[in-house]
Structures are given as C-alpha cells and as structure tokens.
Amino acid sequence: MRKGVLFDKDGTLFDFQSLWGKAIADFLQAPELQLVKQPAQFQLDLGVNDDGRVRSNSPLADGTNADIALVLVQHRLFHGSLESAEQFVTSFFLRFLQQDGFAVGVATSDSLDAAQLSLTHAQALSQVDFIATPDQYPSKPDPALLYAFCREQNLHPTDVLVVGDSPVDMALAQHARAGIGVLSGVGTRTELATPYVYPTVMDVPYLTVFQESSSK
C-alpha cells in the first residue's frame, strides 16, 4: 500500500528536536560525513551508548538539529559551516522518511516562492514531493490541497497522514487517514485533540501510526 505524509511547515517541519532511533545507524554511515578517527567517542557525544541505544539528555534524544550539527563540526566530520551541517541533518531525515516508502508533502500558509526558499535553504526541496500554498489552493482546513496531493502522488486520502501543530491541521486530517499532532509549535495536547501527539515530527513512529490508525 502506498503511503503519504502531509506536513505543516512552520512549527512542525521546521522545528526538529530529536531524531528517529531507527535512522541513527544510517545517519552515522552517511557519505556526506567524513571517516571518524574515534567513532566510539563521536557516537557517545551524539548520545549513542555502546549498546546502540540512545541516551536521554543527549543531542540525539533531546537536542535540536543545531545541537547535532555542532557535534559533527566539533569532530570535524562535516566540512562547512555550522549552518550547512544543520541543513544536512534536516535534509537527511526527510530523505530517510521517503526511503520508508512515504510520499512527502508540505502544506503551508506561505507563498509558493517563500516555501520553496525555506526548503531550498534547508537543502530539503528535493526531498519534498508536493507543496501546497494559498496562492495555489484554498487555505487549510479546506481538503482541496489534500486531494491534490493524492492526485499527484497516486494516493487515496485514507493513505495519508496529516502532521501539524494546530487545530486547523487536525481539522484537515479529518479528511485523511489520521492526524498527528506535534508540540513543537502553537498547539497544546488538548487543542490538537488526536490520540497521536508527539513532541516533534522526529518522534513520530510513522509506520506504526499508519498501521494502527483506522481507514475511513
């Protein structure tokens, strides 16, 4: 079954704080990173214990993309600025979601030019399959943008998870398979009113939610 995720942008997609545990091994092997002279120390500094488990109160568990990027720069694994290292982290994990078989869409209140600029700056534009903006479609929670995402990516609305930080996003999700709320933006757990609420988009077990959520 083909799957899709439609993300809100500000407060959701652009406020990462922690990383998917299952992606860590791939992340450490990313070709963009240089060989590590002391890989054990590097992994410990990121927050990965000797047994491969992620340690709490570490950059990987609780830090921002900037915190993770700082470790890369400090270990001289990434040739470039701290900003470029942070952009690499963002882009990598969107790419990882696609490798899990999800089409990735973004629905934002920005103009198309502004949205593309933001994604380009984060080196993530090539990891996004669809962008919906008010200069193209009616604003959320109108489902027109969801249906357009489905048409372009050969999906049914019941194949799509909507991820956002506001009640408006969750209202749009009523037309999709399920709504996933994140607490990295303006909405509270109560306001989001969904059984699927997580601190950030990086904490969401997408495949599990997709499998457990009931199709409409």
C-alpha atoms as a PDB file:
ATOM      1  CA  MET A   1       0.000   0.000   0.000  1.00  0.00           C
ATOM      2  CA  ARG A   2       1.398   3.398  -0.990  1.00  0.00           C
ATOM      3  CA  LYS A   3       1.618   5.921   1.845  1.00  0.00           C
ATOM      4  CA  GLY A   4       1.882   9.684   2.183  1.00  0.00           C
ATOM      5  CA  VAL A   5       2.621  12.259   4.856  1.00  0.00           C
ATOM      6  CA  LEU A   6       1.399  15.840   4.510  1.00  0.00           C
ATOM      7  CA  PHE A   7       3.304  18.162   6.862  1.00  0.00           C
ATOM      8  CA  ASP A   8       2.513  21.622   8.069  1.00  0.00           C
ATOM      9  CA  LYS A   9       5.701  23.725   7.741  1.00  0.00           C
ATOM     10  CA  ASP A  10       6.360  26.325  10.440  1.00  0.00           C
ATOM     11  CA  GLY A  11       6.104  24.948  13.954  1.00  0.00           C
ATOM     12  CA  THR A  12       6.060  21.411  12.587  1.00  0.00           C
ATOM     13  CA  LEU A  13       8.546  20.540   9.864  1.00  0.00           C
ATOM     14  CA  PHE A  14      10.960  23.322  10.771  1.00  0.00           C
ATOM     15  CA  ASP A  15      11.228  22.735  14.498  1.00  0.00           C
ATOM     16  CA  PHE A  16      13.010  19.396  14.767  1.00  0.00           C
ATOM     17  CA  GLN A  17      14.323  18.473  18.215  1.00  0.00           C
ATOM     18  CA  SER A  18      15.094  14.752  18.281  1.00  0.00           C
ATOM     19  CA  LEU A  19      15.954  12.020  15.801  1.00  0.00           C
ATOM     20  CA  TRP A  20      14.398   8.754  14.732  1.00  0.00           C
ATOM     21  CA  GLY A  21      16.182   5.984  16.593  1.00  0.00           C
ATOM     22  CA  LYS A  22      15.964   3.591  13.632  1.00  0.00           C
ATOM     23  CA  ALA A  23      17.786   6.082  11.400  1.00  0.00           C
ATOM     24  CA  ILE A  24      20.839   6.561  13.582  1.00  0.00           C
ATOM     25  CA  ALA A  25      22.896   3.732  12.091  1.00  0.00           C
ATOM     26  CA  ASP A  26      22.251   5.005   8.559  1.00  0.00           C
ATOM     27  CA  PHE A  27      22.970   8.559   9.673  1.00  0.00           C
ATOM     28  CA  LEU A  28      26.392   7.589  11.040  1.00  0.00           C
ATOM     29  CA  GLN A  29      27.190   5.941   7.685  1.00  0.00           C
ATOM     30  CA  ALA A  30      26.029   8.865   5.516  1.00  0.00           C
ATOM     31  CA  PRO A  31      28.543   9.516   2.725  1.00  0.00           C
ATOM     32  CA  GLU A  32      28.445  13.252   3.444  1.00  0.00           C
ATOM     33  CA  LEU A  33      30.242  12.583   6.731  1.00  0.00           C
ATOM     34  CA  GLN A  34      33.984  12.012   6.869  1.00  0.00           C
ATOM     35  CA  LEU A  35      35.616   8.946   8.398  1.00  0.00           C
ATOM     36  CA  VAL A  36      35.831   9.174  12.172  1.00  0.00           C
ATOM     37  CA  LYS A  37      39.155   8.575  13.917  1.00  0.00           C
ATOM     38  CA  GLN A  38      37.401   7.949  17.230  1.00  0.00           C
ATOM     39  CA  PRO A  39      33.961   6.613  16.242  1.00  0.00           C
ATOM     40  CA  ALA A  40      33.118   5.432  19.766  1.00  0.00           C
ATOM     41  CA  GLN A  41      33.664   8.894  21.244  1.00  0.00           C
ATOM     42  CA  PHE A  42      31.752  10.532  18.410  1.00  0.00           C
ATOM     43  CA  GLN A  43      28.747   8.283  18.961  1.00  0.00           C
ATOM     44  CA  LEU A  44      28.887   8.863  22.723  1.00  0.00           C
ATOM     45  CA  ASP A  45      28.933  12.622  22.142  1.00  0.00           C
ATOM     46  CA  LEU A  46      25.886  12.307  19.898  1.00  0.00           C
ATOM     47  CA  GLY A  47      24.120  10.253  22.557  1.00  0.00           C
ATOM     48  CA  VAL A  48      24.511   6.659  21.335  1.00  0.00           C
ATOM     49  CA  ASN A  49      25.665   4.236  24.051  1.00  0.00           C
ATOM     50  CA  ASP A  50      27.922   1.259  23.401  1.00  0.00           C
ATOM     51  CA  ASP A  51      24.854  -0.987  23.128  1.00  0.00           C
ATOM     52  CA  GLY A  52      23.419   1.165  20.340  1.00  0.00           C
ATOM     53  CA  ARG A  53      20.664   2.673  22.470  1.00  0.00           C
ATOM     54  CA  VAL A  54      20.093   6.426  22.500  1.00  0.00           C
ATOM     55  CA  ARG A  55      20.864   8.076  25.824  1.00  0.00           C
ATOM     56  CA  SER A  56      18.406  10.553  27.307  1.00  0.00           C
ATOM     57  CA  ASN A  57      19.549  14.153  27.782  1.00  0.00           C
ATOM     58  CA  SER A  58      21.736  13.913  24.693  1.00  0.00           C
ATOM     59  CA  PRO A  59      21.801  15.748  21.341  1.00  0.00           C
ATOM     60  CA  LEU A  60      20.081  12.838  19.579  1.00  0.00           C
ATOM     61  CA  ALA A  61      17.377  12.384  22.188  1.00  0.00           C
ATOM     62  CA  ASP A  62      16.571  15.921  23.259  1.00  0.00           C
ATOM     63  CA  GLY A  63      18.653  18.302  21.191  1.00  0.00           C
ATOM     64  CA  THR A  64      17.896  20.433  18.169  1.00  0.00           C
ATOM     65  CA  ASN A  65      19.312  19.936  14.703  1.00  0.00           C
ATOM     66  CA  ALA A  66      21.800  22.659  15.618  1.00  0.00           C
ATOM     67  CA  ASP A  67      22.965  20.621  18.635  1.00  0.00           C
ATOM     68  CA  ILE A  68      23.563  17.592  16.416  1.00  0.00           C
ATOM     69  CA  ALA A  69      25.278  19.706  13.774  1.00  0.00           C
ATOM     70  CA  LEU A  70      27.592  21.153  16.448  1.00  0.00           C
ATOM     71  CA  VAL A  71      28.817  17.637  17.306  1.00  0.00           C
ATOM     72  CA  LEU A  72      29.529  16.987  13.616  1.00  0.00           C
ATOM     73  CA  VAL A  73      31.532  20.200  13.343  1.00  0.00           C
ATOM     74  CA  GLN A  74      33.392  19.652  16.621  1.00  0.00           C
ATOM     75  CA  HIS A  75      34.504  16.222  15.425  1.00  0.00           C
ATOM     76  CA  ARG A  76      35.460  17.704  12.059  1.00  0.00           C
ATOM     77  CA  LEU A  77      33.119  15.320  10.267  1.00  0.00           C
ATOM     78  CA  PHE A  78      31.441  17.936   8.156  1.00  0.00           C
ATOM     79  CA  HIS A  79      33.436  20.359   6.023  1.00  0.00           C
ATOM     80  CA  GLY A  80      31.479  23.576   6.084  1.00  0.00           C
ATOM     81  CA  SER A  81      29.709  25.951   8.430  1.00  0.00           C
ATOM     82  CA  LEU A  82      27.560  25.024  11.403  1.00  0.00           C
ATOM     83  CA  GLU A  83      24.555  26.237   9.389  1.00  0.00           C
ATOM     84  CA  SER A  84      25.354  23.920   6.474  1.00  0.00           C
ATOM     85  CA  ALA A  85      25.768  20.996   8.871  1.00  0.00           C
ATOM     86  CA  GLU A  86      22.331  21.723  10.355  1.00  0.00           C
ATOM     87  CA  GLN A  87      20.808  21.831   6.885  1.00  0.00           C
ATOM     88  CA  PHE A  88      22.343  18.435   6.135  1.00  0.00           C
ATOM     89  CA  VAL A  89      20.699  16.929   9.241  1.00  0.00           C
ATOM     90  CA  THR A  90      17.273  18.237   8.192  1.00  0.00           C
ATOM     91  CA  SER A  91      17.625  17.005   4.626  1.00  0.00           C
ATOM     92  CA  PHE A  92      18.883  13.573   5.668  1.00  0.00           C
ATOM     93  CA  PHE A  93      15.891  12.722   7.795  1.00  0.00           C
ATOM     94  CA  LEU A  94      13.363  13.808   5.185  1.00  0.00           C
ATOM     95  CA  ARG A  95      15.200  11.542   2.762  1.00  0.00           C
ATOM     96  CA  PHE A  96      15.018   8.726   5.313  1.00  0.00           C
ATOM     97  CA  LEU A  97      11.227   9.107   5.505  1.00  0.00           C
ATOM     98  CA  GLN A  98      10.998   8.759   1.730  1.00  0.00           C
ATOM     99  CA  GLN A  99      13.107   5.606   1.906  1.00  0.00           C
ATOM    100  CA  ASP A 100      10.451   4.191   4.228  1.00  0.00           C
ATOM    101  CA  GLY A 101       8.044   4.452   1.302  1.00  0.00           C
ATOM    102  CA  PHE A 102       6.228   7.693   2.110  1.00  0.00           C
ATOM    103  CA  ALA A 103       5.460  10.441  -0.379  1.00  0.00           C
ATOM    104  CA  VAL A 104       6.242  13.721   1.404  1.00  0.00           C
ATOM    105  CA  GLY A 105       4.030  16.782   1.070  1.00  0.00           C
ATOM    106  CA  VAL A 106       4.140  20.206   2.718  1.00  0.00           C
ATOM    107  CA  ALA A 107       1.088  22.416   3.254  1.00  0.00           C
ATOM    108  CA  THR A 108       1.878  25.947   4.404  1.00  0.00           C
ATOM    109  CA  SER A 109       0.361  29.404   4.656  1.00  0.00           C
ATOM    110  CA  ASP A 110       3.471  30.849   2.972  1.00  0.00           C
ATOM    111  CA  SER A 111       3.533  31.754  -0.700  1.00  0.00           C
ATOM    112  CA  LEU A 112       4.990  29.144  -3.040  1.00  0.00           C
ATOM    113  CA  ASP A 113       8.148  31.213  -3.546  1.00  0.00           C
ATOM    114  CA  ALA A 114       8.664  31.588   0.205  1.00  0.00           C
ATOM    115  CA  ALA A 115       8.042  27.906   0.870  1.00  0.00           C
ATOM    116  CA  GLN A 116      10.461  26.835  -1.846  1.00  0.00           C
ATOM    117  CA  LEU A 117      13.057  29.277  -0.500  1.00  0.00           C
ATOM    118  CA  SER A 118      12.749  27.842   3.013  1.00  0.00           C
ATOM    119  CA  LEU A 119      13.067  24.270   1.783  1.00  0.00           C
ATOM    120  CA  THR A 120      15.957  25.155  -0.508  1.00  0.00           C
ATOM    121  CA  HIS A 121      17.766  26.881   2.356  1.00  0.00           C
ATOM    122  CA  ALA A 122      17.375  23.690   4.410  1.00  0.00           C
ATOM    123  CA  GLN A 123      18.643  21.648   1.436  1.00  0.00           C
ATOM    124  CA  ALA A 124      15.356  19.737   1.631  1.00  0.00           C
ATOM    125  CA  LEU A 125      13.483  20.812  -1.502  1.00  0.00           C
ATOM    126  CA  SER A 126      14.468  17.663  -3.403  1.00  0.00           C
ATOM    127  CA  GLN A 127      13.073  15.537  -0.546  1.00  0.00           C
ATOM    128  CA  VAL A 128       9.589  17.068  -0.872  1.00  0.00           C
ATOM    129  CA  ASP A 129       7.226  15.618  -3.472  1.00  0.00           C
ATOM    130  CA  PHE A 130       4.418  18.196  -3.183  1.00  0.00           C
ATOM    131  CA  ILE A 131       3.968  21.751  -1.859  1.00  0.00           C
ATOM    132  CA  ALA A 132       0.577  23.360  -1.230  1.00  0.00           C
ATOM    133  CA  THR A 133       0.284  27.107  -0.651  1.00  0.00           C
ATOM    134  CA  PRO A 134      -2.643  29.577  -0.540  1.00  0.00           C
ATOM    135  CA  ASP A 135      -1.661  31.036  -3.913  1.00  0.00           C
ATOM    136  CA  GLN A 136      -2.416  27.615  -5.436  1.00  0.00           C
ATOM    137  CA  TYR A 137      -5.187  26.103  -3.297  1.00  0.00           C
ATOM    138  CA  PRO A 138      -7.794  27.161  -0.727  1.00  0.00           C
ATOM    139  CA  SER A 139      -6.255  27.510   2.731  1.00  0.00           C
ATOM    140  CA  LYS A 140      -6.353  24.740   5.331  1.00  0.00           C
ATOM    141  CA  PRO A 141      -8.560  23.103   6.505  1.00  0.00           C
ATOM    142  CA  ASP A 142     -10.140  23.009   3.042  1.00  0.00           C
ATOM    143  CA  PRO A 143      -9.338  19.474   1.789  1.00  0.00           C
ATOM    144  CA  ALA A 144      -8.625  20.601  -1.785  1.00  0.00           C
ATOM    145  CA  LEU A 145      -4.875  20.571  -1.153  1.00  0.00           C
ATOM    146  CA  LEU A 146      -5.056  17.080   0.351  1.00  0.00           C
ATOM    147  CA  TYR A 147      -6.919  15.811  -2.698  1.00  0.00           C
ATOM    148  CA  ALA A 148      -4.367  17.473  -4.991  1.00  0.00           C
ATOM    149  CA  PHE A 149      -1.547  15.749  -3.098  1.00  0.00           C
ATOM    150  CA  CYS A 150      -3.345  12.447  -3.562  1.00  0.00           C
ATOM    151  CA  ARG A 151      -3.888  13.001  -7.289  1.00  0.00           C
ATOM    152  CA  GLU A 152      -0.258  13.906  -7.923  1.00  0.00           C
ATOM    153  CA  GLN A 153       1.160  11.043  -5.862  1.00  0.00           C
ATOM    154  CA  ASN A 154      -1.407   8.378  -6.800  1.00  0.00           C
ATOM    155  CA  LEU A 155      -2.778   8.148  -3.259  1.00  0.00           C
ATOM    156  CA  HIS A 156      -6.185   7.882  -1.641  1.00  0.00           C
ATOM    157  CA  PRO A 157      -6.919  10.232   1.301  1.00  0.00           C
ATOM    158  CA  THR A 158      -7.014   7.171   3.577  1.00  0.00           C
ATOM    159  CA  ASP A 159      -3.367   6.578   2.623  1.00  0.00           C
ATOM    160  CA  VAL A 160      -2.263   9.954   4.019  1.00  0.00           C
ATOM    161  CA  LEU A 161      -1.193  11.055   7.495  1.00  0.00           C
ATOM    162  CA  VAL A 162      -1.523  14.786   8.197  1.00  0.00           C
ATOM    163  CA  VAL A 163       1.055  16.180  10.625  1.00  0.00           C
ATOM    164  CA  GLY A 164       0.744  19.604  12.212  1.00  0.00           C
ATOM    165  CA  ASP A 165       0.878  21.753  15.316  1.00  0.00           C
ATOM    166  CA  SER A 166      -2.539  23.410  15.218  1.00  0.00           C
ATOM    167  CA  PRO A 167      -6.262  22.569  15.369  1.00  0.00           C
ATOM    168  CA  VAL A 168      -6.528  23.700  11.736  1.00  0.00           C
ATOM    169  CA  ASP A 169      -4.131  20.941  10.725  1.00  0.00           C
ATOM    170  CA  MET A 170      -6.152  18.407  12.700  1.00  0.00           C
ATOM    171  CA  ALA A 171      -9.355  19.627  11.010  1.00  0.00           C
ATOM    172  CA  LEU A 172      -7.722  18.934   7.638  1.00  0.00           C
ATOM    173  CA  ALA A 173      -6.767  15.496   8.957  1.00  0.00           C
ATOM    174  CA  GLN A 174     -10.456  14.605   9.296  1.00  0.00           C
ATOM    175  CA  HIS A 175     -10.370  14.025   5.542  1.00  0.00           C
ATOM    176  CA  ALA A 176      -7.246  11.816   5.729  1.00  0.00           C
ATOM    177  CA  ARG A 177      -6.261   8.541   7.369  1.00  0.00           C
ATOM    178  CA  ALA A 178      -5.209  10.157  10.656  1.00  0.00           C
ATOM    179  CA  GLY A 179      -3.970  13.377  12.179  1.00  0.00           C
ATOM    180  CA  ILE A 180      -0.690  13.519  14.061  1.00  0.00           C
ATOM    181  CA  GLY A 181      -0.161  16.451  16.390  1.00  0.00           C
ATOM    182  CA  VAL A 182       3.263  17.759  17.372  1.00  0.00           C
ATOM    183  CA  LEU A 183       4.038  20.001  20.338  1.00  0.00           C
ATOM    184  CA  SER A 184       6.841  21.910  18.607  1.00  0.00           C
ATOM    185  CA  GLY A 185       4.513  24.747  17.576  1.00  0.00           C
ATOM    186  CA  VAL A 186       1.462  26.583  18.859  1.00  0.00           C
ATOM    187  CA  GLY A 187      -0.970  23.788  19.717  1.00  0.00           C
ATOM    188  CA  THR A 188      -1.389  22.058  23.063  1.00  0.00           C
ATOM    189  CA  ARG A 189      -2.160  18.374  23.515  1.00  0.00           C
ATOM    190  CA  THR A 190      -5.765  19.245  24.391  1.00  0.00           C
ATOM    191  CA  GLU A 191      -6.218  21.578  21.425  1.00  0.00           C
ATOM    192  CA  LEU A 192      -4.824  19.047  18.953  1.00  0.00           C
ATOM    193  CA  ALA A 193      -7.479  16.507  20.002  1.00  0.00           C
ATOM    194  CA  THR A 194      -5.907  13.452  18.403  1.00  0.00           C
ATOM    195  CA  PRO A 195      -4.686  10.224  20.002  1.00  0.00           C
ATOM    196  CA  TYR A 196      -1.405  10.685  18.128  1.00  0.00           C
ATOM    197  CA  VAL A 197       0.521  13.524  19.778  1.00  0.00           C
ATOM    198  CA  TYR A 198       4.330  13.652  19.936  1.00  0.00           C
ATOM    199  CA  PRO A 199       6.946  16.241  20.930  1.00  0.00           C
ATOM    200  CA  THR A 200       8.246  16.717  17.365  1.00  0.00           C
ATOM    201  CA  VAL A 201       7.968  15.202  13.895  1.00  0.00           C
ATOM    202  CA  MET A 202      11.129  13.214  14.605  1.00  0.00           C
ATOM    203  CA  ASP A 203       9.452  11.375  17.469  1.00  0.00           C
ATOM    204  CA  VAL A 204       6.550  10.044  15.387  1.00  0.00           C
ATOM    205  CA  PRO A 205       6.548   6.288  14.608  1.00  0.00           C
ATOM    206  CA  TYR A 206       5.027   6.853  11.176  1.00  0.00           C
ATOM    207  CA  LEU A 207       4.719   3.235  10.102  1.00  0.00           C
ATOM    208  CA  THR A 208       3.159   2.273  13.440  1.00  0.00           C
ATOM    209  CA  VAL A 209       0.614   5.098  13.295  1.00  0.00           C
ATOM    210  CA  PHE A 210      -0.199   4.239   9.700  1.00  0.00           C
ATOM    211  CA  GLN A 211      -0.800   0.602  10.604  1.00  0.00           C
ATOM    212  CA  GLU A 212      -2.763   1.294  13.785  1.00  0.00           C
ATOM    213  CA  SER A 213      -4.954   4.126  12.516  1.00  0.00           C
ATOM    214  CA  SER A 214      -8.280   3.061  11.047  1.00  0.00           C
ATOM    215  CA  SER A 215      -9.091   3.834   7.441  1.00  0.00           C
ATOM    216  CA  LYS A 216     -12.225   5.892   6.890  1.00  0.00           C
END
